[in-house]
Each structure stands twice: as structure tokens, then as C-alpha cells.
């Protein structure tokens, strides 16, 4: 699956990355690259937990394999 993510820097220079289509799926990193790698792990963990709880993979009911929500950066899981 391909997910769009948002990527911003906080006031301390830490990169914050979020996957808007998966509620609560947020990560960070000291570098942009580290943040993007970390969000891949976070997405995988969030999807695993949502599956265990019997929830849909994303909050978007019409989601298919490509989610185009509000991301500036796209990351492919897998």
C-alpha cells in the first residue's frame, strides 16, 4: 500500500511525520530520512494493531491501495 504523509520540522529541528489516513500514526527523526524510515515502521505497527482489533486499515472508508489525502511526501510500505 502507498500512503501519503505530512513532514514538518518542530521548533527544535526534529522532523515530525504523520500519516493522516491512519489516526494517531505519527513518528519523528533527527533527519528527514530517519523520520521517513520511522514512519514506515509506525504505519506497519498501526496497521497490525488495527487488524488485530478488527478495524479498517484506515479511517477513510473508500480507501483502496493508493491514499491521496494531504501529504507532502509519499512513502511506500513494503
C-alpha atoms as a PDB file:
ATOM      1  CA  UNK A   1       0.000   0.000   0.000  1.00  0.00           C
ATOM      2  CA  UNK A   2       1.068   3.540  -0.611  1.00  0.00           C
ATOM      3  CA  UNK A   3       0.355   6.245   1.972  1.00  0.00           C
ATOM      4  CA  UNK A   4       0.828   9.983   1.848  1.00  0.00           C
ATOM      5  CA  UNK A   5       2.401  11.536   4.912  1.00  0.00           C
ATOM      6  CA  UNK A   6       2.982  15.055   6.160  1.00  0.00           C
ATOM      7  CA  UNK A   7       6.506  16.059   7.086  1.00  0.00           C
ATOM      8  CA  UNK A   8       7.387  19.152   9.127  1.00  0.00           C
ATOM      9  CA  UNK A   9      10.116  20.354  11.474  1.00  0.00           C
ATOM     10  CA  UNK A  10       9.348  21.409  15.023  1.00  0.00           C
ATOM     11  CA  UNK A  11      10.920  24.316  16.879  1.00  0.00           C
ATOM     12  CA  UNK A  12      13.844  22.105  17.980  1.00  0.00           C
ATOM     13  CA  UNK A  13      14.614  20.982  14.430  1.00  0.00           C
ATOM     14  CA  UNK A  14      13.192  17.479  14.870  1.00  0.00           C
ATOM     15  CA  UNK A  15      11.347  16.130  11.827  1.00  0.00           C
ATOM     16  CA  UNK A  16       7.752  15.149  12.631  1.00  0.00           C
ATOM     17  CA  UNK A  17       5.950  12.855  10.194  1.00  0.00           C
ATOM     18  CA  UNK A  18       2.301  11.830  10.288  1.00  0.00           C
ATOM     19  CA  UNK A  19       0.093   9.541   8.234  1.00  0.00           C
ATOM     20  CA  UNK A  20      -3.248  11.396   8.199  1.00  0.00           C
ATOM     21  CA  UNK A  21      -5.227   8.417   6.908  1.00  0.00           C
ATOM     22  CA  UNK A  22      -4.323   6.331   9.975  1.00  0.00           C
ATOM     23  CA  UNK A  23      -5.470   8.072  13.182  1.00  0.00           C
ATOM     24  CA  UNK A  24      -2.628   8.504  15.669  1.00  0.00           C
ATOM     25  CA  UNK A  25       0.083   7.296  13.305  1.00  0.00           C
ATOM     26  CA  UNK A  26       2.927   9.720  13.992  1.00  0.00           C
ATOM     27  CA  UNK A  27       6.707   9.395  14.187  1.00  0.00           C
ATOM     28  CA  UNK A  28       9.796  11.568  14.198  1.00  0.00           C
ATOM     29  CA  UNK A  29      13.503  11.616  13.453  1.00  0.00           C
ATOM     30  CA  UNK A  30      16.590  13.772  13.745  1.00  0.00           C
ATOM     31  CA  UNK A  31      16.876  13.822   9.957  1.00  0.00           C
ATOM     32  CA  UNK A  32      14.246  13.827   7.214  1.00  0.00           C
ATOM     33  CA  UNK A  33      15.406  10.388   6.080  1.00  0.00           C
ATOM     34  CA  UNK A  34      15.249   8.961   9.606  1.00  0.00           C
ATOM     35  CA  UNK A  35      11.724  10.324  10.087  1.00  0.00           C
ATOM     36  CA  UNK A  36      10.576   8.746   6.808  1.00  0.00           C
ATOM     37  CA  UNK A  37      12.086   5.386   7.771  1.00  0.00           C
ATOM     38  CA  UNK A  38      10.469   5.612  11.212  1.00  0.00           C
ATOM     39  CA  UNK A  39       7.010   6.317   9.801  1.00  0.00           C
ATOM     40  CA  UNK A  40       7.233   3.134   7.721  1.00  0.00           C
ATOM     41  CA  UNK A  41       7.653   1.181  10.963  1.00  0.00           C
ATOM     42  CA  UNK A  42       4.844   3.169  12.604  1.00  0.00           C
ATOM     43  CA  UNK A  43       2.475   2.538   9.679  1.00  0.00           C
ATOM     44  CA  UNK A  44       3.208  -1.195   9.785  1.00  0.00           C
ATOM     45  CA  UNK A  45       2.610  -1.299  13.556  1.00  0.00           C
ATOM     46  CA  UNK A  46      -0.599   0.753  13.318  1.00  0.00           C
ATOM     47  CA  UNK A  47      -1.965  -1.464  10.546  1.00  0.00           C
ATOM     48  CA  UNK A  48      -1.144  -4.583  12.563  1.00  0.00           C
ATOM     49  CA  UNK A  49      -2.926  -3.274  15.665  1.00  0.00           C
ATOM     50  CA  UNK A  50      -5.940  -2.097  13.648  1.00  0.00           C
ATOM     51  CA  UNK A  51      -6.204  -5.555  12.053  1.00  0.00           C
ATOM     52  CA  UNK A  52      -5.987  -7.259  15.464  1.00  0.00           C
ATOM     53  CA  UNK A  53      -8.799  -5.005  16.727  1.00  0.00           C
ATOM     54  CA  UNK A  54     -10.919  -5.693  13.663  1.00  0.00           C
ATOM     55  CA  UNK A  55     -10.735  -2.081  12.475  1.00  0.00           C
ATOM     56  CA  UNK A  56     -10.394  -0.980   8.879  1.00  0.00           C
ATOM     57  CA  UNK A  57      -6.842  -0.260   7.760  1.00  0.00           C
ATOM     58  CA  UNK A  58      -7.509   3.473   7.520  1.00  0.00           C
ATOM     59  CA  UNK A  59     -10.095   5.998   8.647  1.00  0.00           C
ATOM     60  CA  UNK A  60     -11.069   6.610   5.004  1.00  0.00           C
ATOM     61  CA  UNK A  61     -13.928   4.214   4.246  1.00  0.00           C
ATOM     62  CA  UNK A  62     -13.377   4.485   0.489  1.00  0.00           C
ATOM     63  CA  UNK A  63      -9.649   3.838   0.693  1.00  0.00           C
ATOM     64  CA  UNK A  64      -8.048   1.476  -1.743  1.00  0.00           C
ATOM     65  CA  UNK A  65      -4.367   0.815  -2.382  1.00  0.00           C
ATOM     66  CA  UNK A  66      -3.482   4.474  -3.004  1.00  0.00           C
ATOM     67  CA  UNK A  67      -4.495   7.122  -0.497  1.00  0.00           C
ATOM     68  CA  UNK A  68      -4.335  10.739  -1.621  1.00  0.00           C
ATOM     69  CA  UNK A  69      -5.169  12.771   1.463  1.00  0.00           C
ATOM     70  CA  UNK A  70      -2.997  15.719   2.378  1.00  0.00           C
ATOM     71  CA  UNK A  71       0.603  14.527   2.265  1.00  0.00           C
ATOM     72  CA  UNK A  72       3.600  16.406   1.010  1.00  0.00           C
ATOM     73  CA  UNK A  73       5.688  13.241   0.857  1.00  0.00           C
ATOM     74  CA  UNK A  74       4.584   9.827  -0.287  1.00  0.00           C
ATOM     75  CA  UNK A  75       6.018   6.686   1.214  1.00  0.00           C
ATOM     76  CA  UNK A  76       5.517   3.113   0.058  1.00  0.00           C
ATOM     77  CA  UNK A  77       5.255   0.389   2.646  1.00  0.00           C
ATOM     78  CA  UNK A  78       6.816  -2.927   1.744  1.00  0.00           C
END
